[in-house]
Amino acid sequence: QVQLVESGGGLVQAGGSLRLSCAASGRTFTINSMGWFRQAPGKEREFVANCCWSGARPYYGDSVKGRFTISRDNAKNTVYLQMNSLKPEDTAVYYCAAMKFFSARYYDRTSYDYWGQGTQVTVSS
C-alpha cells in the first residue's frame, strides 16, 4: 500500500501563488507516476497535472497550462504543484494521486491507484 498526504493549501488572493506538496510513504517503489486533480463544489474531479516518477515529461490540463508546474523530489518521495497567477476559478479541493503502471490516460482519475485526502485551495477575487 501507498499513503499520500497533501499539504500547502490555503487562502490566497487572485494573482497570487501557492505550492502544494504530496508526500508518499509505504511501498513507494511501486509508484510509476503521480498526478494532481481538483474538484470544485458541484463539479467533477478535474485533471490538473501528471509527472512520471521515472523522469518522463509532465502533462497539464488545459486550464492550468503556463501557470502551474509539477515537479518531484524522488529522494523525499514528494511531488509538488507550484501554482502561479491563481484565479478564483482555481478554487477547489486538490488531490494527489499515484499510479502503479503509467497509463496514456493519465488525465483519467480511474487510471490512479492511490489518493490523498485532499487540501483546500481558495482564491479570492
Protein backbone atom coordinates (compact mmCIF):
# COMPACT_ATOMS: atom_id res chain seq x y z
CA GLN A 1 0.00 0.00 0.00
CA VAL A 2 0.94 3.63 -0.57
CA GLN A 3 -0.15 6.55 1.57
CA LEU A 4 -0.33 10.07 0.15
CA VAL A 5 -0.55 13.20 2.28
CA GLU A 6 -1.11 16.62 0.73
CA SER A 7 -0.22 19.95 2.32
CA GLY A 8 0.17 23.59 1.38
CA GLY A 9 -3.39 24.58 0.63
CA GLY A 10 -4.91 27.79 1.90
CA LEU A 11 -6.47 31.12 1.05
CA VAL A 12 -4.78 33.39 -1.47
CA GLN A 13 -5.77 36.45 -3.48
CA ALA A 14 -6.18 36.31 -7.22
CA GLY A 15 -2.83 36.63 -8.94
CA GLY A 16 -1.01 35.05 -6.04
CA SER A 17 0.87 31.77 -5.72
CA LEU A 18 0.77 28.60 -3.66
CA ARG A 19 2.85 25.44 -3.63
CA LEU A 20 1.22 22.16 -2.79
CA SER A 21 3.19 19.16 -1.60
CA CYS A 22 2.31 15.49 -1.64
CA ALA A 23 4.40 13.14 0.45
CA ALA A 24 4.26 9.45 -0.39
CA SER A 25 5.02 6.69 2.09
CA GLY A 26 4.73 2.94 2.26
CA ARG A 27 5.50 0.89 -0.85
CA THR A 28 6.67 3.89 -2.83
CA PHE A 29 8.81 1.71 -5.09
CA THR A 30 5.56 0.57 -6.70
CA ILE A 31 4.76 4.10 -7.89
CA ASN A 32 5.31 4.78 -11.58
CA SER A 33 3.56 8.11 -11.96
CA MET A 34 1.88 10.76 -9.85
CA GLY A 35 -0.66 13.41 -10.58
CA TRP A 36 -2.83 16.18 -9.24
CA PHE A 37 -6.58 16.52 -9.65
CA ARG A 38 -9.01 19.07 -8.29
CA GLN A 39 -12.69 19.15 -7.52
CA ALA A 40 -14.81 22.24 -7.07
CA PRO A 41 -18.23 22.09 -5.40
CA GLY A 42 -20.83 20.61 -7.72
CA LYS A 43 -18.26 19.71 -10.36
CA GLU A 44 -16.48 16.55 -11.41
CA ARG A 45 -12.90 15.85 -10.42
CA GLU A 46 -10.65 17.53 -12.99
CA PHE A 47 -7.16 16.56 -14.16
CA VAL A 48 -4.54 19.16 -13.31
CA ALA A 49 -1.08 17.68 -13.88
CA ASN A 50 0.89 14.43 -14.13
CA CYS A 51 4.55 13.66 -13.61
CA CYS A 52 6.30 10.36 -14.16
CA TRP A 53 8.42 9.14 -11.34
CA SER A 54 10.97 7.91 -13.87
CA GLY A 55 11.53 11.39 -15.29
CA ALA A 56 9.33 11.45 -18.36
CA ARG A 57 7.70 14.68 -19.45
CA PRO A 58 4.92 16.29 -17.40
CA TYR A 59 1.37 16.75 -18.64
CA TYR A 60 -1.06 19.53 -17.76
CA GLY A 61 -4.73 20.22 -18.03
CA ASP A 62 -5.64 22.96 -20.48
CA SER A 63 -6.95 25.26 -17.76
CA VAL A 64 -3.62 25.37 -15.90
CA LYS A 65 -1.03 25.24 -18.70
CA GLY A 66 1.52 28.01 -18.36
CA ARG A 67 0.53 28.76 -14.76
CA PHE A 68 1.09 25.51 -12.84
CA THR A 69 4.24 23.40 -12.66
CA ILE A 70 4.51 19.86 -11.34
CA SER A 71 7.82 18.60 -10.03
CA ARG A 72 9.12 15.78 -7.90
CA ASP A 73 11.84 15.00 -5.40
CA ASN A 74 12.50 11.28 -5.56
CA ALA A 75 14.76 11.34 -2.53
CA LYS A 76 11.91 12.73 -0.44
CA ASN A 77 9.20 10.73 -2.21
CA THR A 78 7.40 14.01 -2.70
CA VAL A 79 5.66 15.66 -5.65
CA TYR A 80 4.93 19.38 -5.78
CA LEU A 81 2.46 21.59 -7.58
CA GLN A 82 3.60 25.18 -7.96
CA MET A 83 0.56 27.31 -8.74
CA ASN A 84 1.10 30.84 -10.05
CA SER A 85 -1.26 33.53 -11.34
CA LEU A 86 -4.09 31.95 -9.42
CA LYS A 87 -7.65 32.72 -10.41
CA PRO A 88 -10.91 32.42 -8.45
CA GLU A 89 -11.87 29.53 -10.73
CA ASP A 90 -8.88 27.59 -9.38
CA THR A 91 -10.72 27.29 -6.08
CA ALA A 92 -11.17 23.60 -5.33
CA VAL A 93 -10.02 20.70 -3.21
CA TYR A 94 -6.76 19.48 -4.71
CA TYR A 95 -5.97 15.78 -4.61
CA CYS A 96 -2.70 13.97 -5.11
CA ALA A 97 -2.82 10.57 -6.80
CA ALA A 98 -0.40 7.82 -7.76
CA MET A 99 -0.50 5.03 -10.30
CA LYS A 100 1.42 1.77 -10.27
CA PHE A 101 1.65 1.48 -14.04
CA PHE A 102 1.82 4.52 -16.28
CA SER A 103 -1.24 4.90 -18.44
CA ALA A 104 -1.66 7.01 -21.54
CA ARG A 105 -4.96 8.00 -19.91
CA TYR A 106 -3.06 9.98 -17.26
CA TYR A 107 -5.93 12.51 -17.31
CA ASP A 108 -8.45 9.88 -16.22
CA ARG A 109 -8.96 9.52 -12.49
CA THR A 110 -9.67 5.81 -12.89
CA SER A 111 -6.04 5.27 -14.01
CA TYR A 112 -4.81 6.05 -10.50
CA ASP A 113 -4.50 3.50 -7.72
CA TYR A 114 -3.91 5.68 -4.65
CA TRP A 115 -5.34 9.01 -3.49
CA GLY A 116 -4.62 11.53 -0.80
CA GLN A 117 -7.24 13.11 1.41
CA GLY A 118 -7.16 16.45 -0.41
CA THR A 119 -6.22 20.00 0.52
CA GLN A 120 -8.42 23.07 0.07
CA VAL A 121 -7.27 25.93 -2.14
CA THR A 122 -9.38 29.08 -2.09
CA VAL A 123 -8.63 32.02 -4.39
CA SER A 124 -10.39 35.26 -3.56
CA SER A 125 -11.15 37.91 -6.17
